C-alpha atoms as a PDB file:
ATOM      1  CA  MET A   1      17.802   8.080   5.506  1.00  0.00           C
ATOM      2  CA  GLU A   2      17.561   6.762   1.985  1.00  0.00           C
ATOM      3  CA  ARG A   3      14.586   8.028  -0.034  1.00  0.00           C
ATOM      4  CA  ILE A   4      12.964   6.545  -3.121  1.00  0.00           C
ATOM      5  CA  GLN A   5      10.984   8.211  -5.890  1.00  0.00           C
ATOM      6  CA  LEU A   6       7.453   6.846  -6.007  1.00  0.00           C
ATOM      7  CA  LEU A   7       5.606   6.290  -9.273  1.00  0.00           C
ATOM      8  CA  HIS A   8       2.031   7.108 -10.250  1.00  0.00           C
ATOM      9  CA  PRO A   9       0.107   4.654 -12.490  1.00  0.00           C
ATOM     10  CA  GLU A  10      -0.941   7.519 -14.790  1.00  0.00           C
ATOM     11  CA  GLY A  11       2.538   9.039 -14.967  1.00  0.00           C
ATOM     12  CA  LYS A  12       1.634  12.015 -12.777  1.00  0.00           C
ATOM     13  CA  LYS A  13       4.120  13.605 -10.413  1.00  0.00           C
ATOM     14  CA  ALA A  14       4.665  11.547  -7.248  1.00  0.00           C
ATOM     15  CA  PRO A  15       6.494  12.293  -3.996  1.00  0.00           C
ATOM     16  CA  THR A  16       9.590  10.679  -2.563  1.00  0.00           C
ATOM     17  CA  MET A  17       9.427   8.564   0.589  1.00  0.00           C
ATOM     18  CA  GLU A  18      11.893   7.135   3.074  1.00  0.00           C
ATOM     19  CA  LEU A  19      12.747   3.598   1.965  1.00  0.00           C
ATOM     20  CA  ALA A  20      12.277   2.182   5.482  1.00  0.00           C
ATOM     21  CA  LYS A  21       8.767   3.682   5.716  1.00  0.00           C
ATOM     22  CA  TYR A  22       7.911   2.375   2.232  1.00  0.00           C
ATOM     23  CA  ASP A  23       9.115  -1.146   3.053  1.00  0.00           C
ATOM     24  CA  THR A  24       7.213  -1.186   6.358  1.00  0.00           C
ATOM     25  CA  LEU A  25       3.936  -0.190   4.698  1.00  0.00           C
ATOM     26  CA  LYS A  26       4.459  -2.569   1.761  1.00  0.00           C
ATOM     27  CA  THR A  27       5.076  -5.499   4.112  1.00  0.00           C
ATOM     28  CA  SER A  28       1.969  -4.734   6.186  1.00  0.00           C
ATOM     29  CA  LEU A  29      -0.188  -4.145   3.104  1.00  0.00           C
ATOM     30  CA  PHE A  30       0.811  -7.440   1.502  1.00  0.00           C
ATOM     31  CA  ALA A  31       0.281  -9.312   4.785  1.00  0.00           C
ATOM     32  CA  CYS A  32      -3.236  -7.869   5.052  1.00  0.00           C
ATOM     33  CA  LEU A  33      -4.097  -8.653   1.423  1.00  0.00           C
ATOM     34  CA  LYS A  34      -2.794 -12.213   1.711  1.00  0.00           C
ATOM     35  CA  THR A  35      -5.227 -12.707   4.601  1.00  0.00           C
ATOM     36  CA  LYS A  36      -8.204 -10.785   3.267  1.00  0.00           C
ATOM     37  CA  LYS A  37      -7.633 -11.273  -0.512  1.00  0.00           C
ATOM     38  CA  VAL A  38      -9.762  -8.232  -1.515  1.00  0.00           C
ATOM     39  CA  ALA A  39     -10.424  -5.006   0.397  1.00  0.00           C
ATOM     40  CA  ASN A  40     -11.275  -1.367  -0.128  1.00  0.00           C
ATOM     41  CA  PHE A  41      -8.956   1.460   0.902  1.00  0.00           C
ATOM     42  CA  GLN A  42     -10.579   2.171   4.278  1.00  0.00           C
ATOM     43  CA  GLU A  43     -10.448  -1.517   5.232  1.00  0.00           C
ATOM     44  CA  LEU A  44      -6.776  -1.646   4.269  1.00  0.00           C
ATOM     45  CA  VAL A  45      -5.934   1.456   6.304  1.00  0.00           C
ATOM     46  CA  ALA A  46      -7.587  -0.124   9.365  1.00  0.00           C
ATOM     47  CA  ASP A  47      -5.916  -3.510   8.760  1.00  0.00           C
ATOM     48  CA  VAL A  48      -2.464  -1.993   8.209  1.00  0.00           C
ATOM     49  CA  ASP A  49      -2.862   0.107  11.365  1.00  0.00           C
ATOM     50  CA  ILE A  50      -3.728  -3.040  13.357  1.00  0.00           C
ATOM     51  CA  ASP A  51      -0.805  -4.920  11.781  1.00  0.00           C
ATOM     52  CA  LEU A  52       1.645  -2.145  12.668  1.00  0.00           C
ATOM     53  CA  LEU A  53       0.349  -2.036  16.251  1.00  0.00           C
ATOM     54  CA  SER A  54       0.596  -5.824  16.589  1.00  0.00           C
ATOM     55  CA  ARG A  55       4.222  -5.670  15.410  1.00  0.00           C
ATOM     56  CA  LYS A  56       4.843  -2.766  17.820  1.00  0.00           C
ATOM     57  CA  ILE A  57       5.842  -0.412  15.001  1.00  0.00           C
ATOM     58  CA  LYS A  58       5.229   3.252  15.757  1.00  0.00           C
ATOM     59  CA  PHE A  59       4.390   4.882  12.435  1.00  0.00           C
ATOM     60  CA  GLN A  60       5.506   8.473  11.911  1.00  0.00           C
ATOM     61  CA  GLY A  61       3.286  10.618   9.691  1.00  0.00           C
ATOM     62  CA  LYS A  62      -0.218  10.345   8.279  1.00  0.00           C
ATOM     63  CA  LEU A  63      -0.877   6.637   7.668  1.00  0.00           C
ATOM     64  CA  GLU A  64      -3.646   7.175   5.097  1.00  0.00           C
ATOM     65  CA  TRP A  65      -1.585   9.529   2.926  1.00  0.00           C
ATOM     66  CA  ASN A  66       1.551   7.373   3.027  1.00  0.00           C
ATOM     67  CA  LEU A  67      -0.344   4.135   2.385  1.00  0.00           C
ATOM     68  CA  PHE A  68      -2.209   5.751  -0.521  1.00  0.00           C
ATOM     69  CA  TRP A  69       1.074   6.641  -2.235  1.00  0.00           C
ATOM     70  CA  VAL A  70       2.630   3.239  -1.549  1.00  0.00           C
ATOM     71  CA  MET A  71      -0.444   1.637  -3.119  1.00  0.00           C
ATOM     72  CA  LEU A  72      -0.244   3.892  -6.200  1.00  0.00           C
ATOM     73  CA  ASP A  73       3.452   3.039  -6.555  1.00  0.00           C
ATOM     74  CA  LEU A  74       2.757  -0.696  -6.260  1.00  0.00           C
ATOM     75  CA  GLU A  75      -0.082  -0.406  -8.760  1.00  0.00           C
ATOM     76  CA  SER A  76       2.225   1.329 -11.243  1.00  0.00           C
ATOM     77  CA  LYS A  77       4.718  -1.548 -10.812  1.00  0.00           C
ATOM     78  CA  GLN A  78       1.865  -4.061 -11.279  1.00  0.00           C
ATOM     79  CA  GLU A  79       2.403  -5.499  -7.781  1.00  0.00           C
ATOM     80  CA  LEU A  80      -1.094  -4.417  -6.712  1.00  0.00           C
ATOM     81  CA  TYR A  81      -4.387  -4.579  -8.598  1.00  0.00           C
ATOM     82  CA  ARG A  82      -7.073  -1.885  -8.246  1.00  0.00           C
ATOM     83  CA  ASP A  83     -10.553  -2.761  -9.502  1.00  0.00           C
ATOM     84  CA  LYS A  84     -12.072   0.556 -10.599  1.00  0.00           C
ATOM     85  CA  ASN A  85     -15.299  -1.110 -11.802  1.00  0.00           C
ATOM     86  CA  VAL A  86     -16.757  -1.460  -8.300  1.00  0.00           C
ATOM     87  CA  SER A  87     -17.579   1.150  -5.692  1.00  0.00           C
ATOM     88  CA  PRO A  88     -15.740   1.563  -3.468  1.00  0.00           C
ATOM     89  CA  MET A  89     -12.664   0.482  -5.446  1.00  0.00           C
ATOM     90  CA  GLN A  90     -11.276  -2.860  -4.385  1.00  0.00           C
ATOM     91  CA  TYR A  91      -7.598  -3.777  -4.079  1.00  0.00           C
ATOM     92  CA  SER A  92      -6.008  -7.204  -4.380  1.00  0.00           C
ATOM     93  CA  LEU A  93      -2.735  -8.844  -5.235  1.00  0.00           C
ATOM     94  CA  PRO A  94      -2.330  -9.665  -8.926  1.00  0.00           C
ATOM     95  CA  LYS A  95      -2.965 -13.282  -9.872  1.00  0.00           C
ATOM     96  CA  LYS A  96       0.723 -13.940 -10.653  1.00  0.00           C
ATOM     97  CA  SER A  97       2.155 -11.888  -7.790  1.00  0.00           C
ATOM     98  CA  LYS A  98       5.494 -12.876  -6.244  1.00  0.00           C
ATOM     99  CA  ALA A  99       4.643 -10.959  -3.079  1.00  0.00           C
END
């Protein structure tokens, strides 16, 4: 299995992840955000879980942990926007996203 090095928006050390797992979570996350537009982390975890179940994808590992790191990686690549000025933090796709 091919692995990729994830990035952290603040340059901190980040783990590696299987590319297939990363792509699966990224696809589900973007599908959920295209529908909902803005959501907090807990809402996204629930929505991604529902999306994976509806697509009959059995996810291996801790969904919350893996999704958290995918979201940090996407934020560092400016493919995901995190609004830190509200509580709880809200996530959305950037205005000029190609996703």
